[in-house]
Amino acid sequence: KRPLKASHIAAIAEIKPGLLMVGMGDGSMLSLNLHSREFTLRQNNVFWPARTSSRPIKCILKDMEKDFVWVSRFTYGFGKYSLEDGILNFYEYTEDLIGIGFVYSMAQDNNGKIWMATVQGLISFDPQTEQYGVHRYDDQDPHSLAGDINYSVYIDEQGIVWSGSDGKGLSLYKPY
């Protein structure tokens, strides 16, 4: 009944019925069973690369088909965390993605692609091929994003990617 003491909690997601994953400010993750109120703490230095260990977890996204979650940090990249064996695969940003800054929001489309809202547009990541796509504002393209600074991403039933930007409004993007 007492609150969990932590310096900063930036992400909470239900990853299974009755099981929450909490992303903490020091980069640790906490699994919380809502029925028993028991929790398991996964320390940040166990699975994140050393240079990223002090970065808060910003987003947690349960994979729609597999038994893992996608986790983003404020910088450097993101990870795929296995709920079965506790192993994290870390995906560091490629050189063309350096400087994208924070991943504010993540969503998964019906093809399994992960979409990330950042201050440098939308980043798409295909887990099968491990290839990235960068989707940015282009004043010459009326079908591009409304702006590069994106704080939210949502994918509807038809596969349309919706993105909320800073001061530029709502964008819709049809990737397929």
Protein backbone atom coordinates (compact mmCIF):
# COMPACT_ATOMS: atom_id res chain seq x y z
CA LYS A 1 0.00 0.00 0.00
CA ARG A 2 2.99 2.28 0.39
CA PRO A 3 4.31 3.97 -2.75
CA LEU A 4 7.46 2.69 -4.37
CA LYS A 5 10.23 5.17 -3.74
CA ALA A 6 12.11 6.06 -6.89
CA SER A 7 13.67 9.25 -8.15
CA HIS A 8 11.87 9.23 -11.48
CA ILE A 9 9.39 6.94 -13.22
CA ALA A 10 8.86 7.76 -16.89
CA ALA A 11 7.21 4.64 -18.30
CA ILE A 12 4.56 2.17 -17.19
CA ALA A 13 3.02 -0.54 -19.37
CA GLU A 14 0.92 -3.62 -18.77
CA ILE A 15 2.93 -6.36 -20.44
CA LYS A 16 0.71 -9.29 -19.45
CA PRO A 17 -2.65 -9.32 -17.71
CA GLY A 18 -1.90 -8.30 -14.13
CA LEU A 19 1.80 -7.61 -14.74
CA LEU A 20 3.24 -4.10 -15.09
CA MET A 21 6.69 -3.12 -16.31
CA VAL A 22 7.93 0.17 -14.85
CA GLY A 23 10.81 2.14 -16.37
CA MET A 24 12.84 4.03 -13.81
CA GLY A 25 15.02 7.13 -13.88
CA ASP A 26 18.24 5.27 -13.22
CA GLY A 27 17.63 2.93 -16.17
CA SER A 28 16.37 0.02 -14.05
CA MET A 29 13.14 -1.80 -14.79
CA LEU A 30 10.66 -3.14 -12.30
CA SER A 31 8.14 -5.93 -12.91
CA LEU A 32 5.13 -5.54 -10.64
CA ASN A 33 2.53 -8.26 -10.14
CA LEU A 34 -0.73 -6.40 -9.54
CA HIS A 35 -2.37 -9.31 -7.74
CA SER A 36 0.36 -10.26 -5.27
CA ARG A 37 1.99 -6.79 -5.17
CA GLU A 38 5.37 -8.51 -5.48
CA PHE A 39 7.99 -6.96 -7.69
CA THR A 40 11.26 -7.90 -9.33
CA LEU A 41 13.88 -5.22 -9.86
CA ARG A 42 16.15 -5.47 -12.89
CA GLN A 43 19.15 -3.26 -12.25
CA ASN A 44 20.31 -1.00 -15.06
CA ASN A 45 23.92 -2.17 -15.02
CA VAL A 46 22.96 -5.79 -15.62
CA PHE A 47 21.95 -5.48 -19.25
CA TRP A 48 22.52 -1.96 -20.62
CA PRO A 49 25.86 -0.94 -22.13
CA ALA A 50 27.96 0.95 -19.56
CA ARG A 51 27.76 4.37 -21.25
CA THR A 52 23.96 4.26 -21.23
CA SER A 53 23.49 3.02 -17.67
CA SER A 54 22.49 6.38 -16.20
CA ARG A 55 19.83 7.12 -18.83
CA PRO A 56 16.16 6.88 -17.81
CA ILE A 57 13.79 4.48 -19.50
CA LYS A 58 11.28 6.57 -21.42
CA CYS A 59 9.00 4.07 -23.23
CA ILE A 60 7.93 0.46 -22.81
CA LEU A 61 6.00 -1.32 -25.57
CA LYS A 62 4.78 -4.91 -25.35
CA ASP A 63 5.44 -6.74 -28.61
CA MET A 64 2.12 -7.74 -30.18
CA GLU A 65 3.18 -11.31 -31.01
CA LYS A 66 6.25 -12.36 -29.09
CA ASP A 67 7.08 -12.61 -25.39
CA PHE A 68 9.23 -9.50 -25.11
CA VAL A 69 9.01 -5.76 -24.67
CA TRP A 70 10.63 -2.90 -26.54
CA VAL A 71 12.28 -0.39 -24.24
CA SER A 72 13.70 3.01 -25.14
CA ARG A 73 16.18 5.13 -23.26
CA PHE A 74 16.62 8.87 -23.56
CA THR A 75 19.60 8.47 -25.89
CA TYR A 76 21.89 5.95 -27.60
CA GLY A 77 19.29 3.46 -28.76
CA PHE A 78 16.65 1.04 -27.57
CA GLY A 79 16.34 -2.57 -26.51
CA LYS A 80 14.31 -5.73 -26.93
CA TYR A 81 13.88 -7.33 -23.52
CA SER A 82 12.90 -11.00 -23.31
CA LEU A 83 10.27 -11.68 -20.66
CA GLU A 84 11.17 -15.36 -20.78
CA ASP A 85 14.89 -15.30 -20.05
CA GLY A 86 15.59 -11.68 -19.01
CA ILE A 87 18.04 -11.02 -21.84
CA LEU A 88 18.16 -7.58 -23.44
CA ASN A 89 19.27 -7.12 -27.05
CA PHE A 90 20.49 -3.55 -27.40
CA TYR A 91 20.10 -1.73 -30.72
CA GLU A 92 22.41 1.22 -30.96
CA TYR A 93 21.50 3.96 -33.39
CA THR A 94 23.31 3.78 -36.69
CA GLU A 95 25.43 6.76 -37.75
CA ASP A 96 22.59 8.35 -39.73
CA LEU A 97 20.41 8.24 -36.60
CA ILE A 98 22.92 9.75 -34.17
CA GLY A 99 21.43 12.90 -32.75
CA ILE A 100 17.79 11.83 -32.94
CA GLY A 101 17.62 12.47 -29.23
CA PHE A 102 14.90 11.05 -27.09
CA VAL A 103 12.36 8.47 -28.12
CA TYR A 104 9.17 9.88 -26.66
CA SER A 105 6.69 7.26 -27.81
CA MET A 106 6.64 3.88 -29.54
CA ALA A 107 4.01 1.84 -31.40
CA GLN A 108 4.00 -1.38 -33.40
CA ASP A 109 2.22 -1.82 -36.72
CA ASN A 110 0.46 -4.95 -38.01
CA ASN A 111 3.62 -6.01 -39.86
CA GLY A 112 5.65 -5.98 -36.63
CA LYS A 113 7.54 -2.78 -37.44
CA ILE A 114 8.32 -0.53 -34.46
CA TRP A 115 7.66 3.21 -34.88
CA MET A 116 9.37 5.74 -32.62
CA ALA A 117 8.46 9.42 -32.18
CA THR A 118 11.60 11.56 -31.78
CA VAL A 119 12.74 15.16 -32.11
CA GLN A 120 14.13 14.27 -35.54
CA GLY A 121 10.96 12.79 -37.03
CA LEU A 122 9.64 9.25 -36.93
CA ILE A 123 12.00 6.31 -36.92
CA SER A 124 10.75 2.94 -38.12
CA PHE A 125 12.58 -0.25 -37.23
CA ASP A 126 11.98 -3.65 -38.81
CA PRO A 127 12.93 -6.34 -36.26
CA GLN A 128 13.16 -9.01 -38.97
CA THR A 129 15.77 -7.19 -41.07
CA GLU A 130 17.07 -4.84 -38.33
CA GLN A 131 16.78 -1.98 -40.83
CA TYR A 132 15.80 1.58 -39.91
CA GLY A 133 13.73 4.09 -41.80
CA VAL A 134 13.78 7.81 -41.11
CA HIS A 135 10.62 9.82 -41.82
CA ARG A 136 10.98 13.59 -41.58
CA TYR A 137 9.30 16.79 -42.59
CA ASP A 138 10.00 17.81 -46.19
CA ASP A 139 8.56 21.11 -47.40
CA GLN A 140 8.64 19.77 -50.98
CA ASP A 141 6.56 16.69 -50.12
CA PRO A 142 2.92 17.29 -49.11
CA HIS A 143 2.75 13.68 -47.81
CA SER A 144 5.62 14.09 -45.35
CA LEU A 145 5.27 14.68 -41.62
CA ALA A 146 3.90 18.04 -40.45
CA GLY A 147 7.07 18.61 -38.42
CA ASP A 148 10.21 16.87 -37.19
CA ILE A 149 9.65 17.22 -33.44
CA ASN A 150 7.25 14.37 -32.65
CA TYR A 151 6.13 13.44 -29.16
CA SER A 152 3.58 10.73 -29.86
CA VAL A 153 2.85 7.96 -32.33
CA TYR A 154 -0.24 5.79 -32.78
CA ILE A 155 -1.10 3.20 -35.42
CA ASP A 156 -4.73 2.59 -36.26
CA GLU A 157 -6.42 -0.63 -37.44
CA GLN A 158 -5.81 0.27 -41.09
CA GLY A 159 -2.05 0.63 -40.53
CA ILE A 160 -2.02 4.43 -40.75
CA VAL A 161 0.68 5.96 -38.59
CA TRP A 162 -0.49 9.03 -36.67
CA SER A 163 2.06 11.37 -35.15
CA GLY A 164 1.66 14.36 -32.86
CA SER A 165 4.22 17.09 -33.35
CA ASP A 166 5.32 20.17 -31.46
CA GLY A 167 3.47 23.17 -32.85
CA LYS A 168 2.79 21.58 -36.25
CA GLY A 169 -0.25 19.47 -35.46
CA LEU A 170 -1.20 15.91 -36.27
CA SER A 171 0.33 13.98 -39.15
CA LEU A 172 -0.89 10.85 -40.82
CA TYR A 173 1.48 8.64 -42.75
CA LYS A 174 0.59 5.62 -44.90
CA PRO A 175 3.72 3.46 -44.97
CA TYR A 176 2.31 0.57 -47.04
